[in-house]
């Protein structure tokens, strides 16, 4: 008998996403510490570290938004939804996820247009393509779309069990 635990692909996506967020937060803290030491210890400010912190923070924020959708930690108003029975609540939840998916689809489309439009523009201090920074928008949106799709499939399975119980 094997002691290996069977893990689904979402486990690895979550692990990768959380690892990236931790690494980015460590990078932000380290670069901020470096910048403070250089500015106040050696009276020399570095523009590249400030720009790197800003770009890492942008990516970190957008990935955290996607992780918030995955973990269901964003604010929601469910006082009205709780007035309905379980079956109707699940349908309302599906409609909410479909609306989020539609918005994410728009963000993927228009975010990708921005990425293509900025592919030749470079950042002033680091000299990296600005499209790498703007790529955070369609990446976040694609993750949110995926997470909502997975939630809808879970809700569909729950809906089947609720219907069998009635």
C-alpha atoms as a PDB file:
ATOM      1  CA  UNK A   1       0.000   0.000   0.000  1.00  0.00           C
ATOM      2  CA  UNK A   2       1.356   3.406  -0.959  1.00  0.00           C
ATOM      3  CA  UNK A   3       1.414   6.335   1.450  1.00  0.00           C
ATOM      4  CA  UNK A   4       1.195   8.841  -1.403  1.00  0.00           C
ATOM      5  CA  UNK A   5      -1.650  11.295  -1.082  1.00  0.00           C
ATOM      6  CA  UNK A   6      -3.599  11.824  -4.296  1.00  0.00           C
ATOM      7  CA  UNK A   7      -3.681  15.570  -4.988  1.00  0.00           C
ATOM      8  CA  UNK A   8      -5.698  17.309  -7.639  1.00  0.00           C
ATOM      9  CA  UNK A   9      -4.240  19.984  -9.952  1.00  0.00           C
ATOM     10  CA  UNK A  10      -5.868  22.768  -7.917  1.00  0.00           C
ATOM     11  CA  UNK A  11      -3.684  21.814  -4.950  1.00  0.00           C
ATOM     12  CA  UNK A  12      -0.603  22.595  -7.048  1.00  0.00           C
ATOM     13  CA  UNK A  13      -2.076  25.817  -8.445  1.00  0.00           C
ATOM     14  CA  UNK A  14      -2.870  26.952  -4.888  1.00  0.00           C
ATOM     15  CA  UNK A  15       0.600  25.960  -3.719  1.00  0.00           C
ATOM     16  CA  UNK A  16       2.248  27.828  -6.593  1.00  0.00           C
ATOM     17  CA  UNK A  17       0.090  30.909  -6.065  1.00  0.00           C
ATOM     18  CA  UNK A  18       0.696  31.023  -2.317  1.00  0.00           C
ATOM     19  CA  UNK A  19       4.431  30.405  -2.792  1.00  0.00           C
ATOM     20  CA  UNK A  20       4.623  33.273  -5.290  1.00  0.00           C
ATOM     21  CA  UNK A  21       2.783  35.566  -2.885  1.00  0.00           C
ATOM     22  CA  UNK A  22       5.139  34.664  -0.028  1.00  0.00           C
ATOM     23  CA  UNK A  23       8.207  35.164  -2.246  1.00  0.00           C
ATOM     24  CA  UNK A  24       6.890  38.533  -3.428  1.00  0.00           C
ATOM     25  CA  UNK A  25       6.226  39.715   0.115  1.00  0.00           C
ATOM     26  CA  UNK A  26       9.755  38.679   1.130  1.00  0.00           C
ATOM     27  CA  UNK A  27      11.146  40.527  -1.898  1.00  0.00           C
ATOM     28  CA  UNK A  28       9.140  43.656  -1.050  1.00  0.00           C
ATOM     29  CA  UNK A  29      10.324  43.591   2.572  1.00  0.00           C
ATOM     30  CA  UNK A  30      13.947  42.963   1.574  1.00  0.00           C
ATOM     31  CA  UNK A  31      14.010  45.669  -1.091  1.00  0.00           C
ATOM     32  CA  UNK A  32      12.327  48.147   1.249  1.00  0.00           C
ATOM     33  CA  UNK A  33      14.938  47.389   3.916  1.00  0.00           C
ATOM     34  CA  UNK A  34      17.707  47.836   1.321  1.00  0.00           C
ATOM     35  CA  UNK A  35      16.221  51.133   0.183  1.00  0.00           C
ATOM     36  CA  UNK A  36      15.955  52.486   3.748  1.00  0.00           C
ATOM     37  CA  UNK A  37      19.544  51.462   4.562  1.00  0.00           C
ATOM     38  CA  UNK A  38      20.838  53.052   1.355  1.00  0.00           C
ATOM     39  CA  UNK A  39      18.855  56.253   1.826  1.00  0.00           C
ATOM     40  CA  UNK A  40      19.468  56.873   5.524  1.00  0.00           C
ATOM     41  CA  UNK A  41      22.682  54.900   6.074  1.00  0.00           C
ATOM     42  CA  UNK A  42      24.639  55.902   2.986  1.00  0.00           C
ATOM     43  CA  UNK A  43      22.644  58.936   1.812  1.00  0.00           C
ATOM     44  CA  UNK A  44      22.220  57.343  -1.626  1.00  0.00           C
ATOM     45  CA  UNK A  45      18.793  56.563  -2.971  1.00  0.00           C
ATOM     46  CA  UNK A  46      18.280  53.906  -5.612  1.00  0.00           C
ATOM     47  CA  UNK A  47      15.497  54.389  -8.118  1.00  0.00           C
ATOM     48  CA  UNK A  48      15.578  50.801  -9.361  1.00  0.00           C
ATOM     49  CA  UNK A  49      14.605  49.359  -5.986  1.00  0.00           C
ATOM     50  CA  UNK A  50      11.664  51.731  -5.648  1.00  0.00           C
ATOM     51  CA  UNK A  51      10.420  50.747  -9.088  1.00  0.00           C
ATOM     52  CA  UNK A  52      10.959  47.039  -8.380  1.00  0.00           C
ATOM     53  CA  UNK A  53       8.980  47.327  -5.130  1.00  0.00           C
ATOM     54  CA  UNK A  54       6.138  49.023  -6.978  1.00  0.00           C
ATOM     55  CA  UNK A  55       6.015  46.396  -9.735  1.00  0.00           C
ATOM     56  CA  UNK A  56       6.243  43.477  -7.317  1.00  0.00           C
ATOM     57  CA  UNK A  57       3.495  45.064  -5.214  1.00  0.00           C
ATOM     58  CA  UNK A  58       1.259  45.356  -8.294  1.00  0.00           C
ATOM     59  CA  UNK A  59       1.721  41.667  -9.108  1.00  0.00           C
ATOM     60  CA  UNK A  60       1.294  40.699  -5.468  1.00  0.00           C
ATOM     61  CA  UNK A  61      -1.951  42.675  -5.196  1.00  0.00           C
ATOM     62  CA  UNK A  62      -3.493  41.168  -8.304  1.00  0.00           C
ATOM     63  CA  UNK A  63      -2.512  37.611  -7.382  1.00  0.00           C
ATOM     64  CA  UNK A  64      -3.884  38.184  -3.877  1.00  0.00           C
ATOM     65  CA  UNK A  65      -7.195  39.302  -5.370  1.00  0.00           C
ATOM     66  CA  UNK A  66      -7.394  36.010  -7.265  1.00  0.00           C
ATOM     67  CA  UNK A  67      -6.460  34.103  -4.107  1.00  0.00           C
ATOM     68  CA  UNK A  68      -9.205  35.988  -2.251  1.00  0.00           C
ATOM     69  CA  UNK A  69     -11.729  34.737  -4.782  1.00  0.00           C
ATOM     70  CA  UNK A  70     -10.382  31.205  -4.370  1.00  0.00           C
ATOM     71  CA  UNK A  71     -10.558  31.355  -0.563  1.00  0.00           C
ATOM     72  CA  UNK A  72     -13.942  33.181  -0.592  1.00  0.00           C
ATOM     73  CA  UNK A  73     -12.667  35.970   1.660  1.00  0.00           C
ATOM     74  CA  UNK A  74     -13.988  38.943  -0.306  1.00  0.00           C
ATOM     75  CA  UNK A  75     -16.852  40.887   1.196  1.00  0.00           C
ATOM     76  CA  UNK A  76     -20.339  39.730   0.337  1.00  0.00           C
ATOM     77  CA  UNK A  77     -23.882  40.628   1.294  1.00  0.00           C
ATOM     78  CA  UNK A  78     -25.756  37.444   2.002  1.00  0.00           C
ATOM     79  CA  UNK A  79     -28.516  38.594   4.356  1.00  0.00           C
ATOM     80  CA  UNK A  80     -31.082  38.524   1.524  1.00  0.00           C
ATOM     81  CA  UNK A  81     -29.744  35.255   0.077  1.00  0.00           C
ATOM     82  CA  UNK A  82     -30.157  33.514   3.436  1.00  0.00           C
ATOM     83  CA  UNK A  83     -33.927  34.169   3.305  1.00  0.00           C
ATOM     84  CA  UNK A  84     -34.256  31.548   0.547  1.00  0.00           C
ATOM     85  CA  UNK A  85     -34.053  27.765   0.755  1.00  0.00           C
ATOM     86  CA  UNK A  86     -30.771  25.933   0.018  1.00  0.00           C
ATOM     87  CA  UNK A  87     -31.634  25.214  -3.626  1.00  0.00           C
ATOM     88  CA  UNK A  88     -32.341  28.876  -4.437  1.00  0.00           C
ATOM     89  CA  UNK A  89     -29.200  29.933  -2.532  1.00  0.00           C
ATOM     90  CA  UNK A  90     -27.116  27.664  -4.746  1.00  0.00           C
ATOM     91  CA  UNK A  91     -28.711  29.099  -7.899  1.00  0.00           C
ATOM     92  CA  UNK A  92     -28.007  32.643  -6.691  1.00  0.00           C
ATOM     93  CA  UNK A  93     -24.409  31.643  -5.985  1.00  0.00           C
ATOM     94  CA  UNK A  94     -24.073  30.256  -9.517  1.00  0.00           C
ATOM     95  CA  UNK A  95     -25.456  33.500 -10.974  1.00  0.00           C
ATOM     96  CA  UNK A  96     -22.947  35.477  -8.904  1.00  0.00           C
ATOM     97  CA  UNK A  97     -20.066  33.350 -10.139  1.00  0.00           C
ATOM     98  CA  UNK A  98     -21.269  33.672 -13.740  1.00  0.00           C
ATOM     99  CA  UNK A  99     -21.328  37.464 -13.360  1.00  0.00           C
ATOM    100  CA  UNK A 100     -17.791  37.417 -11.976  1.00  0.00           C
ATOM    101  CA  UNK A 101     -16.712  35.174 -14.853  1.00  0.00           C
ATOM    102  CA  UNK A 102     -18.224  37.586 -17.382  1.00  0.00           C
ATOM    103  CA  UNK A 103     -16.364  40.502 -15.797  1.00  0.00           C
ATOM    104  CA  UNK A 104     -13.164  38.449 -15.681  1.00  0.00           C
ATOM    105  CA  UNK A 105     -13.588  37.620 -19.351  1.00  0.00           C
ATOM    106  CA  UNK A 106     -13.736  41.328 -20.162  1.00  0.00           C
ATOM    107  CA  UNK A 107     -10.643  41.949 -18.048  1.00  0.00           C
ATOM    108  CA  UNK A 108      -8.793  39.141 -19.821  1.00  0.00           C
ATOM    109  CA  UNK A 109      -9.691  40.553 -23.237  1.00  0.00           C
ATOM    110  CA  UNK A 110      -8.979  44.215 -22.539  1.00  0.00           C
ATOM    111  CA  UNK A 111      -6.033  43.464 -20.248  1.00  0.00           C
ATOM    112  CA  UNK A 112      -4.436  41.471 -23.049  1.00  0.00           C
ATOM    113  CA  UNK A 113      -5.002  44.411 -25.418  1.00  0.00           C
ATOM    114  CA  UNK A 114      -3.098  46.633 -22.960  1.00  0.00           C
ATOM    115  CA  UNK A 115      -0.301  44.046 -22.718  1.00  0.00           C
ATOM    116  CA  UNK A 116       0.056  44.054 -26.504  1.00  0.00           C
ATOM    117  CA  UNK A 117      -0.092  47.849 -26.665  1.00  0.00           C
ATOM    118  CA  UNK A 118       2.710  48.250 -24.094  1.00  0.00           C
ATOM    119  CA  UNK A 119       5.045  45.507 -25.320  1.00  0.00           C
ATOM    120  CA  UNK A 120       7.551  48.025 -26.713  1.00  0.00           C
ATOM    121  CA  UNK A 121       7.429  50.420 -23.749  1.00  0.00           C
ATOM    122  CA  UNK A 122      10.082  49.918 -21.056  1.00  0.00           C
ATOM    123  CA  UNK A 123      10.204  51.027 -17.436  1.00  0.00           C
ATOM    124  CA  UNK A 124      12.522  53.964 -16.705  1.00  0.00           C
ATOM    125  CA  UNK A 125      14.755  52.501 -13.987  1.00  0.00           C
ATOM    126  CA  UNK A 126      14.727  48.735 -14.575  1.00  0.00           C
ATOM    127  CA  UNK A 127      14.315  48.811 -18.348  1.00  0.00           C
ATOM    128  CA  UNK A 128      11.913  45.868 -18.340  1.00  0.00           C
ATOM    129  CA  UNK A 129       8.965  45.767 -20.744  1.00  0.00           C
ATOM    130  CA  UNK A 130       5.890  47.377 -19.222  1.00  0.00           C
ATOM    131  CA  UNK A 131       3.823  44.607 -20.761  1.00  0.00           C
ATOM    132  CA  UNK A 132       5.242  42.312 -18.035  1.00  0.00           C
ATOM    133  CA  UNK A 133       3.663  44.552 -15.415  1.00  0.00           C
ATOM    134  CA  UNK A 134       0.355  44.860 -17.247  1.00  0.00           C
ATOM    135  CA  UNK A 135       0.292  41.070 -17.710  1.00  0.00           C
ATOM    136  CA  UNK A 136      -0.806  40.913 -14.061  1.00  0.00           C
ATOM    137  CA  UNK A 137      -4.323  41.987 -15.102  1.00  0.00           C
ATOM    138  CA  UNK A 138      -5.136  39.152 -17.529  1.00  0.00           C
ATOM    139  CA  UNK A 139      -3.310  36.681 -15.259  1.00  0.00           C
ATOM    140  CA  UNK A 140      -5.454  37.655 -12.275  1.00  0.00           C
ATOM    141  CA  UNK A 141      -8.576  37.574 -14.413  1.00  0.00           C
ATOM    142  CA  UNK A 142      -7.798  34.137 -15.841  1.00  0.00           C
ATOM    143  CA  UNK A 143      -7.242  32.773 -12.330  1.00  0.00           C
ATOM    144  CA  UNK A 144     -10.504  34.289 -11.114  1.00  0.00           C
ATOM    145  CA  UNK A 145     -12.305  32.832 -14.133  1.00  0.00           C
ATOM    146  CA  UNK A 146     -10.835  29.394 -13.389  1.00  0.00           C
ATOM    147  CA  UNK A 147     -11.657  29.591  -9.670  1.00  0.00           C
ATOM    148  CA  UNK A 148     -15.262  30.614 -10.381  1.00  0.00           C
ATOM    149  CA  UNK A 149     -15.653  27.815 -12.919  1.00  0.00           C
ATOM    150  CA  UNK A 150     -14.438  25.298 -10.352  1.00  0.00           C
ATOM    151  CA  UNK A 151     -16.835  26.731  -7.757  1.00  0.00           C
ATOM    152  CA  UNK A 152     -19.754  26.439 -10.184  1.00  0.00           C
ATOM    153  CA  UNK A 153     -18.903  22.788 -10.760  1.00  0.00           C
ATOM    154  CA  UNK A 154     -18.797  22.206  -6.992  1.00  0.00           C
ATOM    155  CA  UNK A 155     -22.141  23.988  -6.559  1.00  0.00           C
ATOM    156  CA  UNK A 156     -23.623  21.881  -9.357  1.00  0.00           C
ATOM    157  CA  UNK A 157     -22.637  18.746  -7.455  1.00  0.00           C
ATOM    158  CA  UNK A 158     -24.131  20.187  -4.248  1.00  0.00           C
ATOM    159  CA  UNK A 159     -27.293  21.048  -6.150  1.00  0.00           C
ATOM    160  CA  UNK A 160     -27.636  17.416  -7.236  1.00  0.00           C
ATOM    161  CA  UNK A 161     -27.408  16.238  -3.644  1.00  0.00           C
ATOM    162  CA  UNK A 162     -29.925  18.886  -2.499  1.00  0.00           C
ATOM    163  CA  UNK A 163     -32.343  17.816  -5.236  1.00  0.00           C
ATOM    164  CA  UNK A 164     -31.986  14.161  -4.246  1.00  0.00           C
ATOM    165  CA  UNK A 165     -32.766  15.092  -0.644  1.00  0.00           C
ATOM    166  CA  UNK A 166     -36.030  16.841  -1.579  1.00  0.00           C
END
